[in-house]
Full PDB file with SEQRES, HELIX, SHEET, SSBOND, CRYST1, ORIGX, SCALE, CONECT and MASTER records, all heavy atoms in Angstrom:
SEQRES   1 A   43  PHE MET PRO LYS PRO CYS GLN HIS CYS ASP ASN PRO PRO          
SEQRES   2 A   43  CYS THR LYS VAL CYS PRO VAL ASP ALA THR PHE LYS ARG          
SEQRES   3 A   43  GLN ASP GLY ILE VAL LEU ILE ASP ASN GLU ARG CYS ILE          
SEQRES   4 A   43  GLY CYS ARG PHE                                              
HELIX    1 AA1 PRO A   13  VAL A   17  1                                   5    
SHEET    1 AA1 2 THR A  23  LYS A  25  0                                        
SHEET    2 AA1 2 VAL A  31  ILE A  33 -1                                        
CRYST1    1.000    1.000    1.000  90.00  90.00  90.00 P 1           1          
ORIGX1      1.000000  0.000000  0.000000        0.00000                         
ORIGX2      0.000000  1.000000  0.000000        0.00000                         
ORIGX3      0.000000  0.000000  1.000000        0.00000                         
SCALE1      1.000000  0.000000  0.000000        0.00000                         
SCALE2      0.000000  1.000000  0.000000        0.00000                         
SCALE3      0.000000  0.000000  1.000000        0.00000                         
ATOM      1  N   PHE A   1     -47.137  58.319 -87.443  1.00  0.00           N  
ATOM      2  CA  PHE A   1     -46.135  58.959 -88.289  1.00  0.00           C  
ATOM      3  C   PHE A   1     -44.965  57.986 -88.503  1.00  0.00           C  
ATOM      4  O   PHE A   1     -44.539  57.333 -87.541  1.00  0.00           O  
ATOM      5  CB  PHE A   1     -45.640  60.260 -87.706  1.00  0.00           C  
ATOM      6  CG  PHE A   1     -46.692  61.304 -87.607  1.00  0.00           C  
ATOM      7  CD1 PHE A   1     -47.217  61.726 -86.380  1.00  0.00           C  
ATOM      8  CD2 PHE A   1     -47.234  61.921 -88.764  1.00  0.00           C  
ATOM      9  CE1 PHE A   1     -48.182  62.702 -86.287  1.00  0.00           C  
ATOM     10  CE2 PHE A   1     -48.164  62.892 -88.658  1.00  0.00           C  
ATOM     11  CZ  PHE A   1     -48.684  63.304 -87.442  1.00  0.00           C  
ATOM     12  N   MET A   2     -44.401  58.004 -89.706  1.00  0.00           N  
ATOM     13  CA  MET A   2     -43.278  57.143 -90.053  1.00  0.00           C  
ATOM     14  C   MET A   2     -42.220  57.887 -90.845  1.00  0.00           C  
ATOM     15  O   MET A   2     -42.402  58.178 -92.006  1.00  0.00           O  
ATOM     16  CB  MET A   2     -43.743  55.944 -90.880  1.00  0.00           C  
ATOM     17  CG  MET A   2     -42.640  54.928 -91.119  1.00  0.00           C  
ATOM     18  SD  MET A   2     -43.125  53.524 -92.153  1.00  0.00           S  
ATOM     19  CE  MET A   2     -42.981  54.306 -93.778  1.00  0.00           C  
ATOM     20  N   PRO A   3     -41.051  58.134 -90.228  1.00  0.00           N  
ATOM     21  CA  PRO A   3     -39.951  58.711 -90.988  1.00  0.00           C  
ATOM     22  C   PRO A   3     -39.415  57.668 -91.933  1.00  0.00           C  
ATOM     23  O   PRO A   3     -39.326  56.477 -91.616  1.00  0.00           O  
ATOM     24  CB  PRO A   3     -38.897  59.050 -89.899  1.00  0.00           C  
ATOM     25  CG  PRO A   3     -39.693  59.100 -88.634  1.00  0.00           C  
ATOM     26  CD  PRO A   3     -40.821  58.101 -88.781  1.00  0.00           C  
ATOM     27  N   LYS A   4     -39.068  58.087 -93.157  1.00  0.00           N  
ATOM     28  CA  LYS A   4     -38.601  57.143 -94.179  1.00  0.00           C  
ATOM     29  C   LYS A   4     -37.352  57.700 -94.884  1.00  0.00           C  
ATOM     30  O   LYS A   4     -37.488  58.492 -95.816  1.00  0.00           O  
ATOM     31  CB  LYS A   4     -39.689  56.797 -95.163  1.00  0.00           C  
ATOM     32  CG  LYS A   4     -39.293  55.645 -96.146  1.00  0.00           C  
ATOM     33  CD  LYS A   4     -40.443  55.265 -97.027  1.00  0.00           C  
ATOM     34  CE  LYS A   4     -40.764  56.287 -98.086  1.00  0.00           C  
ATOM     35  NZ  LYS A   4     -39.632  56.448 -99.044  1.00  0.00           N  
ATOM     36  N   PRO A   5     -36.172  57.235 -94.508  1.00  0.00           N  
ATOM     37  CA  PRO A   5     -34.971  57.594 -95.256  1.00  0.00           C  
ATOM     38  C   PRO A   5     -34.661  56.492 -96.243  1.00  0.00           C  
ATOM     39  O   PRO A   5     -35.412  55.553 -96.425  1.00  0.00           O  
ATOM     40  CB  PRO A   5     -33.893  57.597 -94.152  1.00  0.00           C  
ATOM     41  CG  PRO A   5     -34.357  56.532 -93.225  1.00  0.00           C  
ATOM     42  CD  PRO A   5     -35.866  56.522 -93.262  1.00  0.00           C  
ATOM     43  N   CYS A   6     -33.516  56.590 -96.943  1.00  0.00           N  
ATOM     44  CA  CYS A   6     -32.975  55.461 -97.714  1.00  0.00           C  
ATOM     45  C   CYS A   6     -32.758  54.321 -96.710  1.00  0.00           C  
ATOM     46  O   CYS A   6     -32.340  54.520 -95.590  1.00  0.00           O  
ATOM     47  CB  CYS A   6     -31.667  55.860 -98.369  1.00  0.00           C  
ATOM     48  SG  CYS A   6     -30.770  54.498 -99.129  1.00  0.00           S  
ATOM     49  N   GLN A   7     -33.012  53.093 -97.190  1.00  0.00           N  
ATOM     50  CA  GLN A   7     -32.922  51.963 -96.317  1.00  0.00           C  
ATOM     51  C   GLN A   7     -31.514  51.323 -96.280  1.00  0.00           C  
ATOM     52  O   GLN A   7     -31.269  50.390 -95.515  1.00  0.00           O  
ATOM     53  CB  GLN A   7     -33.935  50.886 -96.724  1.00  0.00           C  
ATOM     54  CG  GLN A   7     -35.393  51.379 -96.769  1.00  0.00           C  
ATOM     55  CD  GLN A   7     -35.892  51.769 -95.385  1.00  0.00           C  
ATOM     56  OE1 GLN A   7     -36.010  50.907 -94.499  1.00  0.00           O  
ATOM     57  NE2 GLN A   7     -36.215  53.031 -95.194  1.00  0.00           N  
ATOM     58  N   HIS A   8     -30.605  51.775 -97.131  1.00  0.00           N  
ATOM     59  CA  HIS A   8     -29.234  51.318 -97.181  1.00  0.00           C  
ATOM     60  C   HIS A   8     -29.187  49.790 -97.162  1.00  0.00           C  
ATOM     61  O   HIS A   8     -28.547  49.152 -96.318  1.00  0.00           O  
ATOM     62  CB  HIS A   8     -28.432  51.925 -96.019  1.00  0.00           C  
ATOM     63  CG  HIS A   8     -28.248  53.409 -96.148  1.00  0.00           C  
ATOM     64  ND1 HIS A   8     -27.257  53.991 -96.904  1.00  0.00           N  
ATOM     65  CD2 HIS A   8     -28.982  54.419 -95.669  1.00  0.00           C  
ATOM     66  CE1 HIS A   8     -27.358  55.271 -96.850  1.00  0.00           C  
ATOM     67  NE2 HIS A   8     -28.424  55.608 -96.147  1.00  0.00           N  
ATOM     68  N   CYS A   9     -29.841  49.258 -98.164  1.00  0.00           N  
ATOM     69  CA  CYS A   9     -30.026  47.801 -98.272  1.00  0.00           C  
ATOM     70  C   CYS A   9     -28.692  47.043 -98.414  1.00  0.00           C  
ATOM     71  O   CYS A   9     -27.756  47.545 -99.032  1.00  0.00           O  
ATOM     72  CB  CYS A   9     -30.918  47.460 -99.449  1.00  0.00           C  
ATOM     73  SG  CYS A   9     -32.482  48.380 -99.500  1.00  0.00           S  
ATOM     74  N   ASP A  10     -28.640  45.837 -97.887  1.00  0.00           N  
ATOM     75  CA  ASP A  10     -27.496  44.935 -98.081  1.00  0.00           C  
ATOM     76  C   ASP A  10     -27.576  44.304 -99.470  1.00  0.00           C  
ATOM     77  O   ASP A  10     -26.572  43.768 -99.945  1.00  0.00           O  
ATOM     78  CB  ASP A  10     -27.398  43.903 -96.998  1.00  0.00           C  
ATOM     79  CG  ASP A  10     -26.752  44.465 -95.704  1.00  0.00           C  
ATOM     80  OD1 ASP A  10     -26.088  45.522 -95.838  1.00  0.00           O  
ATOM     81  OD2 ASP A  10     -26.985  43.887 -94.641  1.00  0.00           O  
ATOM     82  N   ASN A  11     -28.740  44.251-100.035  1.00  0.00           N  
ATOM     83  CA  ASN A  11     -28.951  43.749-101.383  1.00  0.00           C  
ATOM     84  C   ASN A  11     -29.685  44.823-102.218  1.00  0.00           C  
ATOM     85  O   ASN A  11     -30.815  44.660-102.619  1.00  0.00           O  
ATOM     86  CB  ASN A  11     -29.756  42.427-101.386  1.00  0.00           C  
ATOM     87  CG  ASN A  11     -29.914  41.856-102.764  1.00  0.00           C  
ATOM     88  OD1 ASN A  11     -29.088  42.025-103.641  1.00  0.00           O  
ATOM     89  ND2 ASN A  11     -30.993  41.100-102.950  1.00  0.00           N  
ATOM     90  N   PRO A  12     -28.985  45.929-102.505  1.00  0.00           N  
ATOM     91  CA  PRO A  12     -29.652  47.098-103.076  1.00  0.00           C  
ATOM     92  C   PRO A  12     -29.919  46.959-104.600  1.00  0.00           C  
ATOM     93  O   PRO A  12     -28.943  46.750-105.335  1.00  0.00           O  
ATOM     94  CB  PRO A  12     -28.698  48.267-102.799  1.00  0.00           C  
ATOM     95  CG  PRO A  12     -27.337  47.577-102.747  1.00  0.00           C  
ATOM     96  CD  PRO A  12     -27.573  46.176-102.196  1.00  0.00           C  
ATOM     97  N   PRO A  13     -31.156  47.117-105.030  1.00  0.00           N  
ATOM     98  CA  PRO A  13     -31.455  47.050-106.461  1.00  0.00           C  
ATOM     99  C   PRO A  13     -30.843  48.218-107.203  1.00  0.00           C  
ATOM    100  O   PRO A  13     -30.495  48.092-108.397  1.00  0.00           O  
ATOM    101  CB  PRO A  13     -32.992  47.114-106.509  1.00  0.00           C  
ATOM    102  CG  PRO A  13     -33.474  46.753-105.150  1.00  0.00           C  
ATOM    103  CD  PRO A  13     -32.402  47.205-104.198  1.00  0.00           C  
ATOM    104  N   CYS A  14     -30.688  49.363-106.548  1.00  0.00           N  
ATOM    105  CA  CYS A  14     -30.200  50.563-107.247  1.00  0.00           C  
ATOM    106  C   CYS A  14     -28.827  50.392-107.807  1.00  0.00           C  
ATOM    107  O   CYS A  14     -28.495  50.862-108.882  1.00  0.00           O  
ATOM    108  CB  CYS A  14     -30.271  51.785-106.265  1.00  0.00           C  
ATOM    109  SG  CYS A  14     -29.361  51.519-104.754  1.00  0.00           S  
ATOM    110  N   THR A  15     -27.916  49.740-107.022  1.00  0.00           N  
ATOM    111  CA  THR A  15     -26.548  49.643-107.463  1.00  0.00           C  
ATOM    112  C   THR A  15     -26.378  48.680-108.673  1.00  0.00           C  
ATOM    113  O   THR A  15     -25.432  48.820-109.447  1.00  0.00           O  
ATOM    114  CB  THR A  15     -25.623  49.140-106.331  1.00  0.00           C  
ATOM    115  OG1 THR A  15     -26.072  47.808-105.927  1.00  0.00           O  
ATOM    116  CG2 THR A  15     -25.709  50.056-105.127  1.00  0.00           C  
ATOM    117  N   LYS A  16     -27.307  47.824-108.847  1.00  0.00           N  
ATOM    118  CA  LYS A  16     -27.229  46.818-109.942  1.00  0.00           C  
ATOM    119  C   LYS A  16     -27.591  47.403-111.291  1.00  0.00           C  
ATOM    120  O   LYS A  16     -27.194  46.814-112.321  1.00  0.00           O  
ATOM    121  CB  LYS A  16     -28.115  45.622-109.583  1.00  0.00           C  
ATOM    122  CG  LYS A  16     -27.708  44.881-108.355  1.00  0.00           C  
ATOM    123  CD  LYS A  16     -28.724  43.764-108.004  1.00  0.00           C  
ATOM    124  CE  LYS A  16     -28.280  42.942-106.819  1.00  0.00           C  
ATOM    125  NZ  LYS A  16     -28.168  43.743-105.568  1.00  0.00           N  
ATOM    126  N   VAL A  17     -28.351  48.484-111.306  1.00  0.00           N  
ATOM    127  CA  VAL A  17     -28.819  49.022-112.586  1.00  0.00           C  
ATOM    128  C   VAL A  17     -28.045  50.246-113.025  1.00  0.00           C  
ATOM    129  O   VAL A  17     -28.192  50.690-114.171  1.00  0.00           O  
ATOM    130  CB  VAL A  17     -30.340  49.385-112.501  1.00  0.00           C  
ATOM    131  CG1 VAL A  17     -31.177  48.184-112.186  1.00  0.00           C  
ATOM    132  CG2 VAL A  17     -30.555  50.513-111.470  1.00  0.00           C  
ATOM    133  N   CYS A  18     -27.178  50.770-112.205  1.00  0.00           N  
ATOM    134  CA  CYS A  18     -26.397  51.960-112.591  1.00  0.00           C  
ATOM    135  C   CYS A  18     -25.358  51.560-113.647  1.00  0.00           C  
ATOM    136  O   CYS A  18     -24.495  50.682-113.374  1.00  0.00           O  
ATOM    137  CB  CYS A  18     -25.686  52.602-111.382  1.00  0.00           C  
ATOM    138  SG  CYS A  18     -24.703  54.015-111.764  1.00  0.00           S  
ATOM    139  N   PRO A  19     -25.358  52.164-114.796  1.00  0.00           N  
ATOM    140  CA  PRO A  19     -24.441  51.813-115.885  1.00  0.00           C  
ATOM    141  C   PRO A  19     -23.040  52.368-115.716  1.00  0.00           C  
ATOM    142  O   PRO A  19     -22.144  51.974-116.450  1.00  0.00           O  
ATOM    143  CB  PRO A  19     -25.118  52.410-117.119  1.00  0.00           C  
ATOM    144  CG  PRO A  19     -25.855  53.600-116.639  1.00  0.00           C  
ATOM    145  CD  PRO A  19     -26.320  53.232-115.259  1.00  0.00           C  
ATOM    146  N   VAL A  20     -22.812  53.308-114.801  1.00  0.00           N  
ATOM    147  CA  VAL A  20     -21.483  53.896-114.643  1.00  0.00           C  
ATOM    148  C   VAL A  20     -20.895  53.817-113.235  1.00  0.00           C  
ATOM    149  O   VAL A  20     -19.975  54.501-112.922  1.00  0.00           O  
ATOM    150  CB  VAL A  20     -21.601  55.418-115.039  1.00  0.00           C  
ATOM    151  CG1 VAL A  20     -21.941  55.561-116.524  1.00  0.00           C  
ATOM    152  CG2 VAL A  20     -22.635  56.154-114.208  1.00  0.00           C  
ATOM    153  N   ASP A  21     -21.465  52.935-112.432  1.00  0.00           N  
ATOM    154  CA  ASP A  21     -20.957  52.706-111.061  1.00  0.00           C  
ATOM    155  C   ASP A  21     -20.953  54.007-110.228  1.00  0.00           C  
ATOM    156  O   ASP A  21     -20.075  54.210-109.386  1.00  0.00           O  
ATOM    157  CB  ASP A  21     -19.536  52.132-111.101  1.00  0.00           C  
ATOM    158  CG  ASP A  21     -19.079  51.602-109.746  1.00  0.00           C  
ATOM    159  OD1 ASP A  21     -19.937  51.086-109.013  1.00  0.00           O  
ATOM    160  OD2 ASP A  21     -17.863  51.673-109.462  1.00  0.00           O  
ATOM    161  N   ALA A  22     -22.013  54.813-110.492  1.00  0.00           N  
ATOM    162  CA  ALA A  22     -22.112  56.046-109.704  1.00  0.00           C  
ATOM    163  C   ALA A  22     -22.709  55.774-108.336  1.00  0.00           C  
ATOM    164  O   ALA A  22     -22.357  56.461-107.353  1.00  0.00           O  
ATOM    165  CB  ALA A  22     -22.994  57.068-110.474  1.00  0.00           C  
ATOM    166  N   THR A  23     -23.627  54.829-108.232  1.00  0.00           N  
ATOM    167  CA  THR A  23     -24.168  54.474-106.904  1.00  0.00           C  
ATOM    168  C   THR A  23     -23.582  53.094-106.519  1.00  0.00           C  
ATOM    169  O   THR A  23     -23.520  52.190-107.337  1.00  0.00           O  
ATOM    170  CB  THR A  23     -25.700  54.446-106.942  1.00  0.00           C  
ATOM    171  OG1 THR A  23     -26.210  54.201-105.608  1.00  0.00           O  
ATOM    172  CG2 THR A  23     -26.263  53.386-107.892  1.00  0.00           C  
ATOM    173  N   PHE A  24     -23.197  53.004-105.277  1.00  0.00           N  
ATOM    174  CA  PHE A  24     -22.436  51.857-104.839  1.00  0.00           C  
ATOM    175  C   PHE A  24     -22.625  51.628-103.355  1.00  0.00           C  
ATOM    176  O   PHE A  24     -23.114  52.511-102.633  1.00  0.00           O  
ATOM    177  CB  PHE A  24     -20.957  52.051-105.121  1.00  0.00           C  
ATOM    178  CG  PHE A  24     -20.412  53.302-104.432  1.00  0.00           C  
ATOM    179  CD1 PHE A  24     -19.772  53.197-103.213  1.00  0.00           C  
ATOM    180  CD2 PHE A  24     -20.511  54.538-105.025  1.00  0.00           C  
ATOM    181  CE1 PHE A  24     -19.283  54.332-102.535  1.00  0.00           C  
ATOM    182  CE2 PHE A  24     -20.012  55.694-104.402  1.00  0.00           C  
ATOM    183  CZ  PHE A  24     -19.418  55.590-103.151  1.00  0.00           C  
ATOM    184  N   LYS A  25     -22.291  50.405-102.872  1.00  0.00           N  
ATOM    185  CA  LYS A  25     -22.400  50.101-101.496  1.00  0.00           C  
ATOM    186  C   LYS A  25     -20.992  49.912-100.864  1.00  0.00           C  
ATOM    187  O   LYS A  25     -20.160  49.209-101.444  1.00  0.00           O  
ATOM    188  CB  LYS A  25     -23.191  48.821-101.274  1.00  0.00           C  
ATOM    189  CG  LYS A  25     -23.475  48.540 -99.785  1.00  0.00           C  
ATOM    190  CD  LYS A  25     -24.476  47.408 -99.620  1.00  0.00           C  
ATOM    191  CE  LYS A  25     -24.747  47.131 -98.156  1.00  0.00           C  
ATOM    192  NZ  LYS A  25     -25.487  48.301 -97.512  1.00  0.00           N  
ATOM    193  N   ARG A  26     -20.752  50.543 -99.721  1.00  0.00           N  
ATOM    194  CA  ARG A  26     -19.458  50.513 -99.087  1.00  0.00           C  
ATOM    195  C   ARG A  26     -19.344  49.326 -98.120  1.00  0.00           C  
ATOM    196  O   ARG A  26     -20.375  48.681 -97.766  1.00  0.00           O  
ATOM    197  CB  ARG A  26     -19.211  51.799 -98.256  1.00  0.00           C  
ATOM    198  CG  ARG A  26     -19.496  53.084 -99.059  1.00  0.00           C  
ATOM    199  CD  ARG A  26     -18.937  54.289 -98.432  1.00  0.00           C  
ATOM    200  NE  ARG A  26     -19.132  54.448 -96.998  1.00  0.00           N  
ATOM    201  CZ  ARG A  26     -18.723  55.531 -96.327  1.00  0.00           C  
ATOM    202  NH1 ARG A  26     -18.158  56.525 -96.974  1.00  0.00           N  
ATOM    203  NH2 ARG A  26     -18.913  55.612 -95.021  1.00  0.00           N  
ATOM    204  N   GLN A  27     -18.142  49.096 -97.662  1.00  0.00           N  
ATOM    205  CA  GLN A  27     -17.921  47.937 -96.726  1.00  0.00           C  
ATOM    206  C   GLN A  27     -18.592  48.195 -95.356  1.00  0.00           C  
ATOM    207  O   GLN A  27     -18.885  47.213 -94.682  1.00  0.00           O  
ATOM    208  CB  GLN A  27     -16.415  47.776 -96.563  1.00  0.00           C  
ATOM    209  CG  GLN A  27     -15.742  48.968 -95.909  1.00  0.00           C  
ATOM    210  CD  GLN A  27     -14.265  48.748 -95.715  1.00  0.00           C  
ATOM    211  OE1 GLN A  27     -13.701  47.735 -96.059  1.00  0.00           O  
ATOM    212  NE2 GLN A  27     -13.577  49.728 -95.126  1.00  0.00           N  
ATOM    213  N   ASP A  28     -18.901  49.439 -95.009  1.00  0.00           N  
ATOM    214  CA  ASP A  28     -19.559  49.723 -93.793  1.00  0.00           C  
ATOM    215  C   ASP A  28     -21.082  49.699 -93.854  1.00  0.00           C  
ATOM    216  O   ASP A  28     -21.781  49.979 -92.872  1.00  0.00           O  
ATOM    217  CB  ASP A  28     -19.070  51.013 -93.112  1.00  0.00           C  
ATOM    218  CG  ASP A  28     -19.264  52.218 -94.057  1.00  0.00           C  
ATOM    219  OD1 ASP A  28     -20.070  52.105 -95.014  1.00  0.00           O  
ATOM    220  OD2 ASP A  28     -18.653  53.250 -93.833  1.00  0.00           O  
ATOM    221  N   GLY A  29     -21.591  49.332 -95.014  1.00  0.00           N  
ATOM    222  CA  GLY A  29     -23.049  49.169 -95.197  1.00  0.00           C  
ATOM    223  C   GLY A  29     -23.784  50.323 -95.813  1.00  0.00           C  
ATOM    224  O   GLY A  29     -24.951  50.238 -96.186  1.00  0.00           O  
ATOM    225  N   ILE A  30     -23.109  51.475 -95.999  1.00  0.00           N  
ATOM    226  CA  ILE A  30     -23.788  52.673 -96.508  1.00  0.00           C  
ATOM    227  C   ILE A  30     -23.815  52.660 -98.027  1.00  0.00           C  
ATOM    228  O   ILE A  30     -22.813  52.312 -98.627  1.00  0.00           O  
ATOM    229  CB  ILE A  30     -23.088  53.956 -96.004  1.00  0.00           C  
ATOM    230  CG1 ILE A  30     -23.180  54.063 -94.452  1.00  0.00           C  
ATOM    231  CG2 ILE A  30     -23.695  55.215 -96.602  1.00  0.00           C  
ATOM    232  CD1 ILE A  30     -22.441  55.234 -93.875  1.00  0.00           C  
ATOM    233  N   VAL A  31     -24.931  53.017 -98.621  1.00  0.00           N  
ATOM    234  CA  VAL A  31     -25.059  53.198-100.063  1.00  0.00           C  
ATOM    235  C   VAL A  31     -24.932  54.666-100.419  1.00  0.00           C  
ATOM    236  O   VAL A  31     -25.670  55.479 -99.861  1.00  0.00           O  
ATOM    237  CB  VAL A  31     -26.428  52.643-100.551  1.00  0.00           C  
ATOM    238  CG1 VAL A  31     -26.586  52.853-102.042  1.00  0.00           C  
ATOM    239  CG2 VAL A  31     -26.551  51.142-100.244  1.00  0.00           C  
ATOM    240  N   LEU A  32     -24.033  54.968-101.310  1.00  0.00           N  
ATOM    241  CA  LEU A  32     -23.789  56.360-101.679  1.00  0.00           C  
ATOM    242  C   LEU A  32     -23.917  56.573-103.176  1.00  0.00           C  
ATOM    243  O   LEU A  32     -24.023  55.625-103.926  1.00  0.00           O  
ATOM    244  CB  LEU A  32     -22.346  56.815-101.220  1.00  0.00           C  
ATOM    245  CG  LEU A  32     -22.041  56.931 -99.760  1.00  0.00           C  
ATOM    246  CD1 LEU A  32     -20.647  57.472 -99.554  1.00  0.00           C  
ATOM    247  CD2 LEU A  32     -23.012  57.821 -99.086  1.00  0.00           C  
ATOM    248  N   ILE A  33     -23.905  57.865-103.551  1.00  0.00           N  
ATOM    249  CA  ILE A  33     -23.933  58.235-104.991  1.00  0.00           C  
ATOM    250  C   ILE A  33     -22.748  59.173-105.252  1.00  0.00           C  
ATOM    251  O   ILE A  33     -22.515  60.106-104.494  1.00  0.00           O  
ATOM    252  CB  ILE A  33     -25.219  58.951-105.333  1.00  0.00           C  
ATOM    253  CG1 ILE A  33     -26.476  58.073-105.064  1.00  0.00           C  
ATOM    254  CG2 ILE A  33     -25.224  59.374-106.837  1.00  0.00           C  
ATOM    255  CD1 ILE A  33     -27.769  58.785-105.261  1.00  0.00           C  
ATOM    256  N   ASP A  34     -22.010  58.895-106.290  1.00  0.00           N  
ATOM    257  CA  ASP A  34     -20.927  59.743-106.702  1.00  0.00           C  
ATOM    258  C   ASP A  34     -21.418  60.613-107.872  1.00  0.00           C  
ATOM    259  O   ASP A  34     -21.551  60.187-109.010  1.00  0.00           O  
ATOM    260  CB  ASP A  34     -19.747  58.876-107.167  1.00  0.00           C  
ATOM    261  CG  ASP A  34     -18.506  59.718-107.564  1.00  0.00           C  
ATOM    262  OD1 ASP A  34     -18.626  60.939-107.604  1.00  0.00           O  
ATOM    263  OD2 ASP A  34     -17.470  59.107-107.847  1.00  0.00           O  
ATOM    264  N   ASN A  35     -21.628  61.899-107.546  1.00  0.00           N  
ATOM    265  CA  ASN A  35     -22.158  62.784-108.556  1.00  0.00           C  
ATOM    266  C   ASN A  35     -21.130  63.293-109.564  1.00  0.00           C  
ATOM    267  O   ASN A  35     -21.461  63.978-110.531  1.00  0.00           O  
ATOM    268  CB  ASN A  35     -22.863  64.030-107.934  1.00  0.00           C  
ATOM    269  CG  ASN A  35     -24.242  63.640-107.452  1.00  0.00           C  
ATOM    270  OD1 ASN A  35     -24.766  62.614-107.812  1.00  0.00           O  
ATOM    271  ND2 ASN A  35     -24.852  64.499-106.621  1.00  0.00           N  
ATOM    272  N   GLU A  36     -19.871  62.891-109.355  1.00  0.00           N  
ATOM    273  CA  GLU A  36     -18.854  63.119-110.385  1.00  0.00           C  
ATOM    274  C   GLU A  36     -18.955  62.075-111.490  1.00  0.00           C  
ATOM    275  O   GLU A  36     -18.456  62.282-112.621  1.00  0.00           O  
ATOM    276  CB  GLU A  36     -17.452  63.045-109.737  1.00  0.00           C  
ATOM    277  CG  GLU A  36     -17.135  64.241-108.846  1.00  0.00           C  
ATOM    278  CD  GLU A  36     -17.016  65.522-109.618  1.00  0.00           C  
ATOM    279  OE1 GLU A  36     -16.197  65.605-110.557  1.00  0.00           O  
ATOM    280  OE2 GLU A  36     -17.718  66.481-109.244  1.00  0.00           O  
ATOM    281  N   ARG A  37     -19.645  60.983-111.193  1.00  0.00           N  
ATOM    282  CA  ARG A  37     -19.854  59.906-112.175  1.00  0.00           C  
ATOM    283  C   ARG A  37     -21.279  59.843-112.697  1.00  0.00           C  
ATOM    284  O   ARG A  37     -21.521  59.389-113.816  1.00  0.00           O  
ATOM    285  CB  ARG A  37     -19.454  58.536-111.608  1.00  0.00           C  
ATOM    286  CG  ARG A  37     -18.002  58.421-111.222  1.00  0.00           C  
ATOM    287  CD  ARG A  37     -17.750  57.006-110.721  1.00  0.00           C  
ATOM    288  NE  ARG A  37     -17.887  56.011-111.743  1.00  0.00           N  
ATOM    289  CZ  ARG A  37     -16.916  55.580-112.537  1.00  0.00           C  
ATOM    290  NH1 ARG A  37     -15.675  56.064-112.364  1.00  0.00           N  
ATOM    291  NH2 ARG A  37     -17.084  54.634-113.453  1.00  0.00           N  
ATOM    292  N   CYS A  38     -22.203  60.324-111.889  1.00  0.00           N  
ATOM    293  CA  CYS A  38     -23.646  60.209-112.257  1.00  0.00           C  
ATOM    294  C   CYS A  38     -23.949  60.902-113.593  1.00  0.00           C  
ATOM    295  O   CYS A  38     -23.542  62.022-113.777  1.00  0.00           O  
ATOM    296  CB  CYS A  38     -24.515  60.806-111.122  1.00  0.00           C  
ATOM    297  SG  CYS A  38     -26.304  60.747-111.416  1.00  0.00           S  
ATOM    298  N   ILE A  39     -24.660  60.211-114.458  1.00  0.00           N  
ATOM    299  CA  ILE A  39     -25.004  60.791-115.767  1.00  0.00           C  
ATOM    300  C   ILE A  39     -26.504  61.134-115.844  1.00  0.00           C  
ATOM    301  O   ILE A  39     -27.027  61.534-116.886  1.00  0.00           O  
ATOM    302  CB  ILE A  39     -24.663  59.818-116.929  1.00  0.00           C  
ATOM    303  CG1 ILE A  39     -25.382  58.482-116.750  1.00  0.00           C  
ATOM    304  CG2 ILE A  39     -23.173  59.607-116.993  1.00  0.00           C  
ATOM    305  CD1 ILE A  39     -25.224  57.512-117.877  1.00  0.00           C  
ATOM    306  N   GLY A  40     -27.209  60.944-114.741  1.00  0.00           N  
ATOM    307  CA  GLY A  40     -28.598  61.411-114.663  1.00  0.00           C  
ATOM    308  C   GLY A  40     -29.585  60.518-115.439  1.00  0.00           C  
ATOM    309  O   GLY A  40     -30.633  60.956-115.801  1.00  0.00           O  
ATOM    310  N   CYS A  41     -29.228  59.269-115.604  1.00  0.00           N  
ATOM    311  CA  CYS A  41     -30.127  58.328-116.349  1.00  0.00           C  
ATOM    312  C   CYS A  41     -31.388  57.943-115.556  1.00  0.00           C  
ATOM    313  O   CYS A  41     -32.396  57.559-116.076  1.00  0.00           O  
ATOM    314  CB  CYS A  41     -29.374  57.087-116.776  1.00  0.00           C  
ATOM    315  SG  CYS A  41     -28.850  56.010-115.417  1.00  0.00           S  
ATOM    316  N   ARG A  42     -31.262  58.051-114.221  1.00  0.00           N  
ATOM    317  CA  ARG A  42     -32.349  57.765-113.267  1.00  0.00           C  
ATOM    318  C   ARG A  42     -32.793  56.324-113.217  1.00  0.00           C  
ATOM    319  O   ARG A  42     -33.903  56.005-112.750  1.00  0.00           O  
ATOM    320  CB  ARG A  42     -33.581  58.678-113.608  1.00  0.00           C  
ATOM    321  CG  ARG A  42     -33.355  60.158-113.226  1.00  0.00           C  
ATOM    322  CD  ARG A  42     -34.391  61.049-113.820  1.00  0.00           C  
ATOM    323  NE  ARG A  42     -34.164  61.304-115.277  1.00  0.00           N  
ATOM    324  CZ  ARG A  42     -35.083  61.682-116.096  1.00  0.00           C  
ATOM    325  NH1 ARG A  42     -36.311  61.878-115.699  1.00  0.00           N  
ATOM    326  NH2 ARG A  42     -34.790  61.866-117.367  1.00  0.00           N  
ATOM    327  N   PHE A  43     -31.971  55.412-113.679  1.00  0.00           N  
ATOM    328  CA  PHE A  43     -32.293  53.991-113.563  1.00  0.00           C  
ATOM    329  C   PHE A  43     -32.407  53.593-112.058  1.00  0.00           C  
ATOM    330  O   PHE A  43     -33.227  52.768-111.704  1.00  0.00           O  
ATOM    331  CB  PHE A  43     -31.205  53.128-114.209  1.00  0.00           C  
ATOM    332  CG  PHE A  43     -31.175  53.171-115.738  1.00  0.00           C  
ATOM    333  CD1 PHE A  43     -30.166  52.590-116.422  1.00  0.00           C  
ATOM    334  CD2 PHE A  43     -32.216  53.814-116.415  1.00  0.00           C  
ATOM    335  CE1 PHE A  43     -30.150  52.646-117.815  1.00  0.00           C  
ATOM    336  CE2 PHE A  43     -32.185  53.915-117.803  1.00  0.00           C  
ATOM    337  CZ  PHE A  43     -31.127  53.276-118.521  1.00  0.00           C  
TER     338      PHE A  43                                                      
MASTER        0    0    0    1    2    0    0    6  337    1    0    4          
END                                                                             
């Protein structure tokens, strides 16, 4: 069995494609999503 969460990458592909800076990486290494900015494009 293998639990699989978000990997919180140091070089995250997800943050590079977001057109509105809704998903971002913090200084402590965590990748978050701001749903006040998210437009649901799903990139």
